[in-house]
Amino acid sequence: MPKVFIAGPVSWNRLVQLDRLPEARPHTVFARGHRETVGGTSAGKALNLAKLGAQVTLRTVVGDDPAGREVVRVLAGAGIEVIAEVADTPTEQHLNLMDPHGGRLSVYLELPSLTQPRHDAAAWAAARAADAVVVDLADHARPFLAADAPIWCDLHDYDGAAEYHRDFLAAAAHVFLNDDAIGDPESFLTARVRAGAETAVATLGARGAMAATAAGIERVDAVEVAEIVDTNGAGDAFFAGFLVARLAGADVRAALHAGAEHAARCLASPDLA
């Protein structure tokens, strides 16, 4: 059972299904459905890793409010050890507008601000004991970029230039991103390996995924999904499938396949994992 430590954000999300994403003009639309659930990239990774058999510790930030308590309850119920720093501000909350084809618009409604961590000793102990340390994009997660274990970072829709991502990119031994804004993902991945990363991975949507290592580029196709139910968490599911496979000794190509297969299962499910 691999041990994975994650530092990063969780949220409480309202998901609204629409026939199509709204145009930028005043008008009225009717939802096909809506629900509330746990969200946030670190919650998605933690839930998927736990589903795949990893022993997961998640250090995150919530508010002292019903949303924060529900997020912690759901995560703990999935067998995840949650180290929750409680902020004076509300728990992170999103409004996600989604269409049936995988399109999504995410609106941040609340974003917590942590001024005084109280559980650093427990968090650092978990990080030291981990086989992999995942540090997600959040200011409160930045200190864990200094952990001794190999750092895994998901840059999401990084464009190759944004200043916010620079520290995460520099610290990561394993770099992930999608191809929404990077332009030429293969050149970017190759450059990251030349800069010292062990692995650099890009997900390409329906075109599959690719990874660069010192040995070169590997590519795999996406796994076909008969019906996309919910795109939330698919990238985190891919990340989790790849990470668990690599920790189990799989080569990069096999890990890409594992990530693609787990992402497909997530796309066919209404849940993050």
Protein backbone atom coordinates (compact mmCIF):
# COMPACT_ATOMS: atom_id res chain seq x y z
CA MET A 1 0.00 0.00 0.00
CA PRO A 2 1.83 3.16 -1.15
CA LYS A 3 1.79 6.17 1.14
CA VAL A 4 0.94 9.49 -0.52
CA PHE A 5 0.91 12.89 1.14
CA ILE A 6 -1.10 15.66 -0.54
CA ALA A 7 -1.06 19.37 0.27
CA GLY A 8 -3.63 21.48 -1.49
CA PRO A 9 -7.18 22.77 -1.84
CA VAL A 10 -10.57 21.22 -1.28
CA SER A 11 -13.92 22.86 -1.94
CA TRP A 12 -17.67 22.54 -1.73
CA ASN A 13 -19.13 22.74 -5.22
CA ARG A 14 -22.50 23.38 -6.79
CA LEU A 15 -22.62 21.60 -10.16
CA VAL A 16 -25.13 22.85 -12.72
CA GLN A 17 -25.78 20.88 -15.93
CA LEU A 18 -26.75 22.96 -18.97
CA ASP A 19 -27.50 22.10 -22.60
CA ARG A 20 -24.68 24.47 -23.55
CA LEU A 21 -22.42 26.92 -21.75
CA PRO A 22 -23.97 30.42 -21.68
CA GLU A 23 -22.99 33.09 -24.15
CA ALA A 24 -21.64 36.45 -22.93
CA ARG A 25 -24.95 38.33 -23.24
CA PRO A 26 -27.95 38.96 -20.99
CA HIS A 27 -30.37 36.03 -21.25
CA THR A 28 -32.06 33.25 -19.27
CA VAL A 29 -31.20 29.54 -19.36
CA PHE A 30 -32.75 26.52 -17.67
CA ALA A 31 -30.60 23.89 -15.96
CA ARG A 32 -30.88 20.22 -16.87
CA GLY A 33 -30.02 19.42 -13.25
CA HIS A 34 -27.88 20.48 -10.31
CA ARG A 35 -26.34 19.09 -7.14
CA GLU A 36 -23.81 19.89 -4.42
CA THR A 37 -20.74 17.80 -3.68
CA VAL A 38 -17.11 17.78 -2.61
CA GLY A 39 -14.67 19.32 -5.09
CA GLY A 40 -11.17 20.71 -5.38
CA THR A 41 -8.19 19.17 -7.09
CA SER A 42 -6.61 17.82 -3.91
CA ALA A 43 -9.88 16.20 -2.85
CA GLY A 44 -10.14 14.65 -6.31
CA LYS A 45 -6.63 13.24 -6.14
CA ALA A 46 -7.08 11.98 -2.58
CA LEU A 47 -10.36 10.22 -3.33
CA ASN A 48 -9.02 8.59 -6.49
CA LEU A 49 -5.78 7.51 -4.83
CA ALA A 50 -7.71 6.00 -1.93
CA LYS A 51 -10.00 4.21 -4.39
CA LEU A 52 -6.88 2.69 -6.00
CA GLY A 53 -5.58 1.41 -2.69
CA ALA A 54 -3.13 4.10 -1.60
CA GLN A 55 -2.79 5.22 2.00
CA VAL A 56 -3.50 8.96 1.72
CA THR A 57 -2.92 11.89 4.04
CA LEU A 58 -4.39 15.19 2.87
CA ARG A 59 -3.37 18.48 4.44
CA THR A 60 -5.81 21.19 3.45
CA VAL A 61 -7.63 24.33 4.57
CA VAL A 62 -11.34 24.68 5.36
CA GLY A 63 -13.48 27.23 7.10
CA ASP A 64 -15.34 26.74 10.37
CA ASP A 65 -18.63 26.29 8.54
CA PRO A 66 -21.05 23.56 7.40
CA ALA A 67 -19.34 23.26 4.00
CA GLY A 68 -15.95 22.63 5.60
CA ARG A 69 -17.30 20.08 8.02
CA GLU A 70 -19.08 18.21 5.20
CA VAL A 71 -15.92 18.14 3.05
CA VAL A 72 -13.90 16.68 5.93
CA ARG A 73 -16.64 14.14 6.70
CA VAL A 74 -16.74 12.87 3.12
CA LEU A 75 -12.96 12.60 2.84
CA ALA A 76 -12.55 10.87 6.19
CA GLY A 77 -15.37 8.50 5.25
CA ALA A 78 -13.33 7.44 2.22
CA GLY A 79 -10.46 6.38 4.48
CA ILE A 80 -8.34 9.49 3.97
CA GLU A 81 -6.41 10.95 6.89
CA VAL A 82 -7.34 14.64 6.81
CA ILE A 83 -5.14 17.26 8.45
CA ALA A 84 -7.48 20.24 8.28
CA GLU A 85 -6.22 23.72 9.03
CA VAL A 86 -9.28 25.79 9.95
CA ALA A 87 -9.23 29.34 8.61
CA ASP A 88 -11.23 32.35 9.80
CA THR A 89 -12.63 32.68 6.27
CA PRO A 90 -15.26 30.46 4.57
CA THR A 91 -14.45 27.12 2.99
CA GLU A 92 -13.55 27.30 -0.71
CA GLN A 93 -16.67 27.06 -2.85
CA HIS A 94 -17.20 26.86 -6.62
CA LEU A 95 -20.08 27.12 -9.03
CA ASN A 96 -19.40 24.79 -11.97
CA LEU A 97 -21.48 25.20 -15.14
CA MET A 98 -21.16 22.10 -17.35
CA ASP A 99 -22.44 21.03 -20.76
CA PRO A 100 -22.98 17.44 -21.98
CA HIS A 101 -19.81 17.50 -24.11
CA GLY A 102 -17.28 18.08 -21.34
CA GLY A 103 -17.27 21.87 -21.40
CA ARG A 104 -17.02 23.54 -18.02
CA LEU A 105 -16.95 27.04 -16.54
CA SER A 106 -15.82 27.16 -12.90
CA VAL A 107 -16.65 30.25 -10.83
CA TYR A 108 -14.86 30.72 -7.51
CA LEU A 109 -17.40 31.85 -4.91
CA GLU A 110 -15.17 31.68 -1.82
CA LEU A 111 -11.42 31.23 -1.29
CA PRO A 112 -10.06 30.66 2.24
CA SER A 113 -7.00 32.45 3.58
CA LEU A 114 -4.81 30.67 6.14
CA THR A 115 -2.91 32.98 8.49
CA GLN A 116 -1.74 30.62 11.26
CA PRO A 117 -1.13 26.90 10.63
CA ARG A 118 -1.60 24.81 13.76
CA HIS A 119 -0.82 21.27 12.58
CA ASP A 120 2.50 21.64 10.80
CA ALA A 121 4.20 18.98 12.94
CA ALA A 122 1.66 16.32 11.94
CA ALA A 123 1.71 17.39 8.29
CA TRP A 124 5.49 17.34 8.00
CA ALA A 125 5.66 13.96 9.74
CA ALA A 126 3.22 12.56 7.16
CA ALA A 127 5.22 14.10 4.32
CA ARG A 128 8.45 12.55 5.59
CA ALA A 129 6.83 9.12 5.77
CA ALA A 130 5.34 9.29 2.26
CA ASP A 131 6.49 7.54 -0.90
CA ALA A 132 5.29 10.54 -2.91
CA VAL A 133 4.43 14.11 -1.99
CA VAL A 134 1.79 15.84 -4.11
CA VAL A 135 1.74 19.63 -3.86
CA ASP A 136 -1.24 21.24 -5.58
CA LEU A 137 -1.66 24.83 -6.71
CA ALA A 138 -2.50 26.81 -3.57
CA ASP A 139 -0.52 29.33 -1.57
CA HIS A 140 -1.11 27.41 1.65
CA ALA A 141 0.51 24.33 0.02
CA ARG A 142 3.72 26.08 -1.10
CA PRO A 143 5.79 25.28 2.04
CA PHE A 144 5.60 21.56 1.20
CA LEU A 145 7.52 22.11 -2.03
CA ALA A 146 10.55 21.79 0.27
CA ALA A 147 9.70 18.20 1.27
CA ASP A 148 12.45 15.59 0.86
CA ALA A 149 10.35 13.03 -1.03
CA PRO A 150 9.87 13.28 -4.82
CA ILE A 151 7.44 16.15 -5.52
CA TRP A 152 4.50 15.62 -7.88
CA CYS A 153 2.79 18.78 -9.21
CA ASP A 154 -0.28 19.18 -11.39
CA LEU A 155 -0.12 22.54 -13.20
CA HIS A 156 -3.56 22.13 -14.83
CA ASP A 157 -3.96 24.67 -17.68
CA TYR A 158 -0.52 26.27 -17.29
CA ASP A 159 0.42 28.43 -20.27
CA GLY A 160 4.19 28.14 -19.88
CA ALA A 161 4.61 31.66 -18.53
CA ALA A 162 2.35 32.34 -15.52
CA GLU A 163 4.38 33.53 -12.53
CA TYR A 164 2.11 31.81 -9.99
CA HIS A 165 3.22 28.34 -11.13
CA ARG A 166 6.95 29.01 -11.18
CA ASP A 167 7.84 27.62 -7.72
CA PHE A 168 5.75 24.49 -8.28
CA LEU A 169 7.35 23.89 -11.65
CA ALA A 170 10.87 24.31 -10.29
CA ALA A 171 10.33 21.89 -7.37
CA ALA A 172 8.53 19.11 -9.23
CA ALA A 173 10.27 15.85 -10.10
CA HIS A 174 7.02 14.79 -11.78
CA VAL A 175 5.12 17.48 -13.72
CA PHE A 176 1.56 17.18 -15.04
CA LEU A 177 -0.60 19.58 -17.04
CA ASN A 178 -3.29 19.59 -19.69
CA ASP A 179 -2.93 20.98 -23.18
CA ASP A 180 -5.58 23.70 -22.90
CA ALA A 181 -3.10 26.59 -22.94
CA ILE A 182 0.43 25.23 -23.40
CA GLY A 183 0.51 25.41 -27.20
CA ASP A 184 3.22 22.83 -27.95
CA PRO A 185 3.03 20.26 -25.14
CA GLU A 186 5.75 17.97 -26.51
CA SER A 187 8.35 20.75 -26.57
CA PHE A 188 7.34 21.84 -23.06
CA LEU A 189 7.58 18.31 -21.65
CA THR A 190 10.95 17.72 -23.26
CA ALA A 191 12.25 21.00 -21.88
CA ARG A 192 11.13 20.09 -18.36
CA VAL A 193 13.04 16.79 -18.49
CA ARG A 194 16.13 18.60 -19.75
CA ALA A 195 15.71 20.98 -16.79
CA GLY A 196 15.84 18.06 -14.36
CA ALA A 197 12.33 16.61 -14.05
CA GLU A 198 12.16 12.82 -13.99
CA THR A 199 8.79 12.71 -15.76
CA ALA A 200 6.64 15.32 -17.50
CA VAL A 201 3.11 14.39 -18.55
CA ALA A 202 0.43 16.17 -20.61
CA THR A 203 -3.18 15.05 -20.93
CA LEU A 204 -4.62 15.79 -24.38
CA GLY A 205 -8.34 15.24 -23.88
CA ALA A 206 -9.84 12.94 -26.50
CA ARG A 207 -6.38 12.58 -28.10
CA GLY A 208 -5.00 10.72 -25.09
CA ALA A 209 -1.84 11.63 -23.20
CA MET A 210 1.92 11.87 -23.62
CA ALA A 211 4.91 11.73 -21.30
CA ALA A 212 8.55 12.73 -21.60
CA THR A 213 11.44 11.09 -19.78
CA ALA A 214 15.16 10.94 -20.43
CA ALA A 215 14.41 8.00 -22.74
CA GLY A 216 12.10 10.05 -24.98
CA ILE A 217 8.37 10.53 -25.58
CA GLU A 218 5.62 7.99 -24.95
CA ARG A 219 2.04 8.42 -26.17
CA VAL A 220 -1.21 6.58 -25.47
CA ASP A 221 -4.74 6.98 -26.82
CA ALA A 222 -7.67 7.98 -24.65
CA VAL A 223 -9.92 5.17 -23.45
CA GLU A 224 -13.31 5.40 -25.15
CA VAL A 225 -16.22 6.37 -22.91
CA ALA A 226 -19.71 5.44 -24.10
CA GLU A 227 -21.33 8.35 -22.25
CA ILE A 228 -19.60 11.20 -20.42
CA VAL A 229 -21.54 11.69 -17.19
CA ASP A 230 -19.34 14.27 -15.44
CA THR A 231 -15.91 15.69 -16.35
CA ASN A 232 -15.13 16.86 -12.81
CA GLY A 233 -12.17 14.97 -11.41
CA ALA A 234 -11.09 13.29 -14.66
CA GLY A 235 -7.67 14.94 -14.64
CA ASP A 236 -7.16 14.04 -10.99
CA ALA A 237 -8.23 10.47 -11.75
CA PHE A 238 -5.63 10.25 -14.53
CA PHE A 239 -2.98 11.64 -12.16
CA ALA A 240 -3.90 9.08 -9.48
CA GLY A 241 -3.89 6.15 -11.89
CA PHE A 242 -0.47 7.13 -13.23
CA LEU A 243 1.04 7.74 -9.78
CA VAL A 244 -0.15 4.46 -8.26
CA ALA A 245 1.06 2.51 -11.29
CA ARG A 246 4.51 4.11 -11.12
CA LEU A 247 4.84 3.48 -7.40
CA ALA A 248 3.95 -0.16 -8.11
CA GLY A 249 6.85 -0.40 -10.58
CA ALA A 250 5.08 0.11 -13.93
CA ASP A 251 7.02 1.73 -16.75
CA VAL A 252 5.89 5.11 -18.08
CA ARG A 253 3.85 3.71 -20.96
CA ALA A 254 1.98 1.31 -18.69
CA ALA A 255 1.39 4.12 -16.19
CA LEU A 256 -0.06 6.31 -18.97
CA HIS A 257 -2.46 3.48 -19.82
CA ALA A 258 -3.41 3.14 -16.15
CA GLY A 259 -4.08 6.85 -15.94
CA ALA A 260 -6.20 6.83 -19.09
CA GLU A 261 -8.24 3.86 -17.89
CA HIS A 262 -8.94 5.41 -14.50
CA ALA A 263 -9.85 8.77 -16.09
CA ALA A 264 -12.37 6.97 -18.30
CA ARG A 265 -13.99 5.37 -15.26
CA CYS A 266 -14.26 8.81 -13.68
CA LEU A 267 -15.82 10.36 -16.80
CA ALA A 268 -18.50 7.67 -16.75
CA SER A 269 -19.32 8.39 -13.08
CA PRO A 270 -21.08 11.35 -11.42
CA ASP A 271 -18.48 11.32 -8.65
CA LEU A 272 -14.91 12.66 -8.34
CA ALA A 273 -13.64 9.10 -7.94
